Amino acid sequence: KNQGQQWSNEQEKVHVAIDGRQVELPHLTVHKTYQDDDNQDSPLLFTLQNIGRKVKVECDRLGLTVETDGQGAEVKISNSYRGKMAGLCGNFDGEHHSEYEGPNREVYQSPFDFGLSYRIPSRECHEQGKSLS
């Protein structure tokens, strides 16, 4: 399932869409999303919380927490994922020298170049001069 997140902020209310489900979160509100919306005895999927200018999404079942302010995001994962990760969030191997390891196992010194190494080639990126070469 697509578990994308959409962000909008209207006077202290945040609207979040996860897995096609729309949730409106007033300031300092906690919302629990269950597998079956009509049955709170069904498994808990996500806990959403609006804290100031941030939204926090927690999925204890997966050991995953995401916090966003609509501009950037912080992703926290369980230690059970150690050494099993790859991509823009790093490989989670505990070694700082490999923090910026690209998709072909090359290590970048610059976070900018590291980010570009994961881009999907497109005309838009090329036209805006966002190129590694």
N, C-alpha and C. Protein backbone atom coordinates (compact mmCIF):
# COMPACT_ATOMS: atom_id res chain seq x y z
N LYS A 1 0.82 -1.18 0.00
CA LYS A 1 0.00 0.00 0.00
C LYS A 1 0.87 1.25 0.00
N ASN A 2 0.38 2.27 -0.61
CA ASN A 2 1.10 3.54 -0.61
C ASN A 2 0.92 4.21 0.74
N GLN A 3 2.02 4.47 1.43
CA GLN A 3 1.93 5.07 2.75
C GLN A 3 2.52 6.46 2.73
N GLY A 4 2.21 7.22 1.69
CA GLY A 4 2.69 8.58 1.56
C GLY A 4 2.03 9.50 2.55
N GLN A 5 2.67 10.60 2.80
CA GLN A 5 2.13 11.57 3.75
C GLN A 5 1.93 12.89 3.04
N GLN A 6 0.77 13.50 3.21
CA GLN A 6 0.50 14.82 2.65
C GLN A 6 0.44 15.80 3.81
N TRP A 7 0.90 17.03 3.58
CA TRP A 7 1.02 18.01 4.65
C TRP A 7 0.30 19.28 4.30
N SER A 8 -0.49 19.79 5.20
CA SER A 8 -1.01 21.13 5.09
C SER A 8 -1.28 21.62 6.51
N ASN A 9 -1.15 22.93 6.74
CA ASN A 9 -1.33 23.47 8.08
C ASN A 9 -2.28 24.65 7.99
N GLU A 10 -3.44 24.53 8.62
CA GLU A 10 -4.43 25.60 8.62
C GLU A 10 -4.70 25.98 10.06
N GLN A 11 -4.16 27.10 10.51
CA GLN A 11 -4.44 27.63 11.84
C GLN A 11 -4.38 26.55 12.91
N GLU A 12 -3.22 26.00 13.13
CA GLU A 12 -2.96 25.03 14.17
C GLU A 12 -3.57 23.65 13.91
N LYS A 13 -4.23 23.43 12.80
CA LYS A 13 -4.72 22.10 12.45
C LYS A 13 -3.84 21.55 11.35
N VAL A 14 -3.55 20.28 11.43
CA VAL A 14 -2.74 19.61 10.42
C VAL A 14 -3.57 18.50 9.82
N HIS A 15 -3.51 18.38 8.50
CA HIS A 15 -4.22 17.32 7.79
C HIS A 15 -3.17 16.33 7.29
N VAL A 16 -3.32 15.08 7.68
CA VAL A 16 -2.36 14.04 7.30
C VAL A 16 -3.11 12.94 6.56
N ALA A 17 -2.52 12.46 5.47
CA ALA A 17 -3.07 11.33 4.73
C ALA A 17 -2.05 10.21 4.76
N ILE A 18 -2.41 9.10 5.36
CA ILE A 18 -1.54 7.93 5.41
C ILE A 18 -2.33 6.74 4.89
N ASP A 19 -1.77 6.09 3.90
CA ASP A 19 -2.39 4.91 3.32
C ASP A 19 -3.81 5.23 2.85
N GLY A 20 -3.99 6.45 2.32
CA GLY A 20 -5.28 6.85 1.80
C GLY A 20 -6.29 7.29 2.84
N ARG A 21 -5.91 7.28 4.10
CA ARG A 21 -6.80 7.70 5.18
C ARG A 21 -6.50 9.14 5.56
N GLN A 22 -7.51 9.98 5.58
CA GLN A 22 -7.36 11.39 5.92
C GLN A 22 -7.61 11.58 7.41
N VAL A 23 -6.70 12.29 8.09
CA VAL A 23 -6.85 12.58 9.51
C VAL A 23 -6.61 14.06 9.71
N GLU A 24 -7.50 14.72 10.44
CA GLU A 24 -7.32 16.12 10.82
C GLU A 24 -6.87 16.14 12.27
N LEU A 25 -5.73 16.78 12.52
CA LEU A 25 -5.17 16.82 13.87
C LEU A 25 -5.14 18.23 14.41
N PRO A 26 -6.04 18.58 15.32
CA PRO A 26 -5.90 19.87 16.00
C PRO A 26 -4.62 19.86 16.84
N HIS A 27 -4.13 21.02 17.22
CA HIS A 27 -2.91 21.18 18.00
C HIS A 27 -2.95 20.32 19.27
N LEU A 28 -1.83 19.64 19.55
CA LEU A 28 -1.66 18.79 20.73
C LEU A 28 -2.68 17.67 20.83
N THR A 29 -3.08 17.14 19.70
CA THR A 29 -4.03 16.04 19.65
C THR A 29 -3.29 14.75 19.28
N VAL A 30 -3.71 13.66 19.89
CA VAL A 30 -3.20 12.33 19.54
C VAL A 30 -4.32 11.58 18.85
N HIS A 31 -4.01 10.96 17.72
CA HIS A 31 -4.99 10.18 16.97
C HIS A 31 -4.41 8.80 16.73
N LYS A 32 -5.18 7.78 17.02
CA LYS A 32 -4.75 6.41 16.78
C LYS A 32 -5.50 5.86 15.58
N THR A 33 -4.77 5.25 14.65
CA THR A 33 -5.35 4.67 13.45
C THR A 33 -5.27 3.15 13.57
N TYR A 34 -6.43 2.53 13.53
CA TYR A 34 -6.50 1.08 13.66
C TYR A 34 -6.69 0.42 12.30
N GLN A 35 -6.36 -0.85 12.22
CA GLN A 35 -6.53 -1.58 10.96
C GLN A 35 -7.98 -1.48 10.50
N ASP A 36 -8.89 -1.64 11.43
CA ASP A 36 -10.32 -1.47 11.14
C ASP A 36 -10.78 -0.22 11.88
N ASP A 37 -11.07 0.85 11.15
CA ASP A 37 -11.43 2.13 11.77
C ASP A 37 -12.62 2.03 12.71
N ASP A 38 -13.49 1.06 12.50
CA ASP A 38 -14.69 0.93 13.32
C ASP A 38 -14.50 0.01 14.52
N ASN A 39 -13.31 -0.57 14.67
CA ASN A 39 -13.08 -1.54 15.74
C ASN A 39 -11.75 -1.24 16.43
N GLN A 40 -11.81 -0.63 17.62
CA GLN A 40 -10.57 -0.28 18.32
C GLN A 40 -9.88 -1.48 18.94
N ASP A 41 -10.48 -2.67 18.82
CA ASP A 41 -9.80 -3.89 19.26
C ASP A 41 -8.93 -4.47 18.14
N SER A 42 -9.05 -3.92 16.92
CA SER A 42 -8.22 -4.38 15.81
C SER A 42 -6.80 -3.83 16.01
N PRO A 43 -5.81 -4.38 15.32
CA PRO A 43 -4.42 -3.95 15.52
C PRO A 43 -4.23 -2.45 15.26
N LEU A 44 -3.42 -1.82 16.12
CA LEU A 44 -3.07 -0.42 15.97
C LEU A 44 -2.04 -0.28 14.85
N LEU A 45 -2.33 0.56 13.86
CA LEU A 45 -1.39 0.77 12.76
C LEU A 45 -0.45 1.93 13.05
N PHE A 46 -1.02 3.10 13.35
CA PHE A 46 -0.22 4.30 13.54
C PHE A 46 -0.78 5.12 14.69
N THR A 47 0.10 5.87 15.33
CA THR A 47 -0.30 6.90 16.27
C THR A 47 0.20 8.21 15.69
N LEU A 48 -0.68 9.18 15.53
CA LEU A 48 -0.35 10.49 14.97
C LEU A 48 -0.47 11.53 16.06
N GLN A 49 0.48 12.49 16.09
CA GLN A 49 0.41 13.55 17.08
C GLN A 49 0.87 14.85 16.47
N ASN A 50 0.12 15.92 16.72
CA ASN A 50 0.45 17.27 16.27
C ASN A 50 1.07 17.99 17.46
N ILE A 51 2.37 18.28 17.36
CA ILE A 51 3.11 18.93 18.44
C ILE A 51 3.71 20.22 17.90
N GLY A 52 3.12 21.35 18.23
CA GLY A 52 3.64 22.62 17.72
C GLY A 52 3.57 22.66 16.21
N ARG A 53 4.70 22.84 15.56
CA ARG A 53 4.76 22.90 14.10
C ARG A 53 5.14 21.55 13.49
N LYS A 54 5.12 20.50 14.30
CA LYS A 54 5.52 19.18 13.81
C LYS A 54 4.39 18.17 13.94
N VAL A 55 4.46 17.17 13.08
CA VAL A 55 3.58 16.01 13.17
C VAL A 55 4.48 14.81 13.40
N LYS A 56 4.08 13.99 14.35
CA LYS A 56 4.83 12.78 14.68
C LYS A 56 3.96 11.58 14.33
N VAL A 57 4.51 10.65 13.56
CA VAL A 57 3.83 9.43 13.15
C VAL A 57 4.62 8.26 13.73
N GLU A 58 3.97 7.45 14.54
CA GLU A 58 4.65 6.31 15.14
C GLU A 58 3.95 5.02 14.74
N CYS A 59 4.77 4.03 14.41
CA CYS A 59 4.26 2.69 14.13
C CYS A 59 5.10 1.72 14.96
N ASP A 60 4.60 1.41 16.16
CA ASP A 60 5.34 0.52 17.06
C ASP A 60 5.54 -0.86 16.47
N ARG A 61 4.55 -1.33 15.72
CA ARG A 61 4.62 -2.66 15.11
C ARG A 61 5.84 -2.79 14.20
N LEU A 62 6.18 -1.69 13.50
CA LEU A 62 7.33 -1.70 12.60
C LEU A 62 8.59 -1.11 13.23
N GLY A 63 8.47 -0.53 14.43
CA GLY A 63 9.62 0.12 15.05
C GLY A 63 10.03 1.37 14.30
N LEU A 64 9.05 2.19 13.91
CA LEU A 64 9.30 3.34 13.05
C LEU A 64 8.63 4.59 13.61
N THR A 65 9.39 5.70 13.65
CA THR A 65 8.84 7.00 14.02
C THR A 65 9.31 8.02 13.00
N VAL A 66 8.40 8.84 12.51
CA VAL A 66 8.72 9.91 11.56
C VAL A 66 8.17 11.21 12.13
N GLU A 67 9.03 12.24 12.20
CA GLU A 67 8.59 13.58 12.61
C GLU A 67 8.86 14.52 11.45
N THR A 68 7.88 15.38 11.16
CA THR A 68 8.05 16.33 10.07
C THR A 68 7.44 17.67 10.43
N ASP A 69 8.04 18.72 9.89
CA ASP A 69 7.47 20.06 10.01
C ASP A 69 6.94 20.54 8.67
N GLY A 70 6.84 19.64 7.71
CA GLY A 70 6.36 19.97 6.38
C GLY A 70 7.49 20.38 5.44
N GLN A 71 8.66 20.64 6.00
CA GLN A 71 9.83 21.02 5.19
C GLN A 71 10.88 19.92 5.20
N GLY A 72 11.11 19.33 6.35
CA GLY A 72 12.09 18.27 6.50
C GLY A 72 11.49 17.16 7.34
N ALA A 73 12.20 16.06 7.45
CA ALA A 73 11.70 14.93 8.22
C ALA A 73 12.84 14.27 8.98
N GLU A 74 12.51 13.74 10.13
CA GLU A 74 13.45 12.95 10.91
C GLU A 74 12.85 11.55 11.05
N VAL A 75 13.62 10.54 10.67
CA VAL A 75 13.16 9.16 10.71
C VAL A 75 13.96 8.42 11.76
N LYS A 76 13.26 7.75 12.67
CA LYS A 76 13.90 6.94 13.70
C LYS A 76 13.40 5.52 13.54
N ILE A 77 14.34 4.57 13.61
CA ILE A 77 13.96 3.17 13.44
C ILE A 77 14.52 2.33 14.58
N SER A 78 13.94 1.18 14.76
CA SER A 78 14.33 0.25 15.80
C SER A 78 15.71 -0.34 15.51
N ASN A 79 16.43 -0.73 16.56
CA ASN A 79 17.73 -1.38 16.39
C ASN A 79 17.62 -2.70 15.63
N SER A 80 16.43 -3.26 15.53
CA SER A 80 16.27 -4.51 14.78
C SER A 80 16.59 -4.32 13.29
N TYR A 81 16.64 -3.07 12.82
CA TYR A 81 16.97 -2.78 11.42
C TYR A 81 18.47 -2.58 11.20
N ARG A 82 19.28 -2.63 12.27
CA ARG A 82 20.72 -2.38 12.16
C ARG A 82 21.34 -3.27 11.10
N GLY A 83 22.06 -2.63 10.16
CA GLY A 83 22.73 -3.35 9.08
C GLY A 83 21.81 -3.82 7.96
N LYS A 84 20.53 -3.48 8.04
CA LYS A 84 19.56 -3.93 7.04
C LYS A 84 19.01 -2.78 6.21
N MET A 85 19.58 -1.60 6.35
CA MET A 85 19.06 -0.40 5.70
C MET A 85 19.97 0.01 4.55
N ALA A 86 19.41 0.82 3.66
CA ALA A 86 20.17 1.42 2.56
C ALA A 86 19.36 2.62 2.07
N GLY A 87 20.04 3.55 1.43
CA GLY A 87 19.34 4.69 0.85
C GLY A 87 19.63 5.99 1.55
N LEU A 88 18.75 6.95 1.34
CA LEU A 88 18.96 8.30 1.85
C LEU A 88 19.00 8.38 3.37
N CYS A 89 18.41 7.44 4.05
CA CYS A 89 18.44 7.45 5.51
C CYS A 89 19.69 6.77 6.06
N GLY A 90 20.59 6.35 5.19
CA GLY A 90 21.83 5.71 5.62
C GLY A 90 21.67 4.20 5.69
N ASN A 91 22.78 3.53 6.04
CA ASN A 91 22.73 2.07 6.08
C ASN A 91 22.61 1.53 7.51
N PHE A 92 22.62 2.41 8.51
CA PHE A 92 22.39 2.06 9.90
C PHE A 92 23.33 0.94 10.37
N ASP A 93 24.63 1.09 10.00
CA ASP A 93 25.61 0.09 10.43
C ASP A 93 26.46 0.59 11.61
N GLY A 94 26.21 1.81 12.07
CA GLY A 94 26.94 2.36 13.21
C GLY A 94 28.29 2.94 12.86
N GLU A 95 28.66 2.91 11.61
CA GLU A 95 29.95 3.43 11.16
C GLU A 95 29.75 4.78 10.49
N HIS A 96 30.30 5.84 11.09
CA HIS A 96 30.11 7.18 10.54
C HIS A 96 30.80 7.37 9.18
N HIS A 97 31.89 6.65 8.93
CA HIS A 97 32.60 6.82 7.66
C HIS A 97 31.78 6.35 6.46
N SER A 98 30.79 5.50 6.70
CA SER A 98 29.96 5.02 5.58
C SER A 98 28.58 5.66 5.58
N GLU A 99 28.41 6.74 6.34
CA GLU A 99 27.11 7.39 6.46
C GLU A 99 26.57 7.84 5.11
N TYR A 100 27.44 8.30 4.23
CA TYR A 100 27.01 8.79 2.91
C TYR A 100 27.35 7.79 1.82
N GLU A 101 26.98 6.54 2.02
CA GLU A 101 27.24 5.50 1.02
C GLU A 101 26.14 5.54 -0.04
N GLY A 102 26.55 5.70 -1.29
CA GLY A 102 25.62 5.81 -2.41
C GLY A 102 25.08 4.47 -2.85
N PRO A 103 24.22 4.48 -3.86
CA PRO A 103 23.56 3.25 -4.31
C PRO A 103 24.52 2.22 -4.91
N ASN A 104 25.69 2.66 -5.33
CA ASN A 104 26.68 1.72 -5.89
C ASN A 104 27.81 1.46 -4.91
N ARG A 105 27.53 1.69 -3.60
CA ARG A 105 28.45 1.45 -2.48
C ARG A 105 29.63 2.44 -2.45
N GLU A 106 29.57 3.52 -3.25
CA GLU A 106 30.59 4.55 -3.20
C GLU A 106 30.29 5.47 -2.02
N VAL A 107 31.33 5.99 -1.35
CA VAL A 107 31.14 6.86 -0.19
C VAL A 107 31.40 8.30 -0.60
N TYR A 108 30.43 9.18 -0.33
CA TYR A 108 30.52 10.60 -0.66
C TYR A 108 30.94 11.40 0.56
N GLN A 109 31.70 12.46 0.34
CA GLN A 109 32.11 13.37 1.41
C GLN A 109 31.05 14.44 1.64
N SER A 110 30.34 14.80 0.59
CA SER A 110 29.35 15.88 0.64
C SER A 110 27.94 15.29 0.76
N PRO A 111 27.14 15.79 1.73
CA PRO A 111 25.76 15.32 1.80
C PRO A 111 24.95 15.69 0.55
N PHE A 112 25.30 16.80 -0.09
CA PHE A 112 24.61 17.22 -1.32
C PHE A 112 24.84 16.20 -2.43
N ASP A 113 26.12 15.82 -2.64
CA ASP A 113 26.43 14.83 -3.67
C ASP A 113 25.82 13.47 -3.34
N PHE A 114 25.82 13.13 -2.05
CA PHE A 114 25.21 11.88 -1.61
C PHE A 114 23.72 11.88 -1.98
N GLY A 115 23.01 12.95 -1.69
CA GLY A 115 21.59 13.06 -2.03
C GLY A 115 21.36 12.94 -3.52
N LEU A 116 22.21 13.59 -4.29
CA LEU A 116 22.07 13.53 -5.76
C LEU A 116 22.30 12.12 -6.30
N SER A 117 23.12 11.33 -5.60
CA SER A 117 23.41 9.98 -6.10
C SER A 117 22.17 9.09 -6.10
N TYR A 118 21.16 9.45 -5.32
CA TYR A 118 19.93 8.67 -5.26
C TYR A 118 18.81 9.25 -6.11
N ARG A 119 19.09 10.32 -6.81
CA ARG A 119 18.02 10.93 -7.61
C ARG A 119 17.66 10.02 -8.78
N ILE A 120 16.43 10.13 -9.18
CA ILE A 120 15.95 9.41 -10.35
C ILE A 120 16.15 10.36 -11.52
N PRO A 121 16.95 9.96 -12.51
CA PRO A 121 17.21 10.87 -13.63
C PRO A 121 15.91 11.35 -14.29
N SER A 122 15.86 12.66 -14.48
CA SER A 122 14.70 13.24 -15.15
C SER A 122 15.13 14.49 -15.87
N ARG A 123 14.35 14.90 -16.82
CA ARG A 123 14.64 16.11 -17.58
C ARG A 123 14.66 17.32 -16.63
N GLU A 124 13.74 17.37 -15.65
CA GLU A 124 13.66 18.49 -14.73
C GLU A 124 14.96 18.67 -13.95
N CYS A 125 15.53 17.59 -13.43
CA CYS A 125 16.77 17.69 -12.67
C CYS A 125 17.90 18.15 -13.57
N HIS A 126 17.98 17.63 -14.79
CA HIS A 126 19.04 18.01 -15.69
C HIS A 126 18.93 19.49 -16.10
N GLU A 127 17.70 19.95 -16.35
CA GLU A 127 17.50 21.33 -16.77
C GLU A 127 17.84 22.32 -15.66
N GLN A 128 17.68 21.91 -14.40
CA GLN A 128 17.97 22.81 -13.29
C GLN A 128 19.43 22.74 -12.87
N GLY A 129 20.25 22.03 -13.63
CA GLY A 129 21.68 21.97 -13.36
C GLY A 129 22.04 21.09 -12.17
N LYS A 130 21.15 20.22 -11.78
CA LYS A 130 21.40 19.34 -10.65
C LYS A 130 22.00 18.06 -11.17
N SER A 131 23.27 18.10 -11.41
CA SER A 131 23.94 16.96 -12.00
C SER A 131 25.23 16.65 -11.24
N LEU A 132 25.58 15.39 -11.13
CA LEU A 132 26.83 15.02 -10.49
C LEU A 132 28.02 15.23 -11.40
N SER A 133 27.79 15.25 -12.69
CA SER A 133 28.93 15.37 -13.62
C SER A 133 29.21 16.81 -13.98
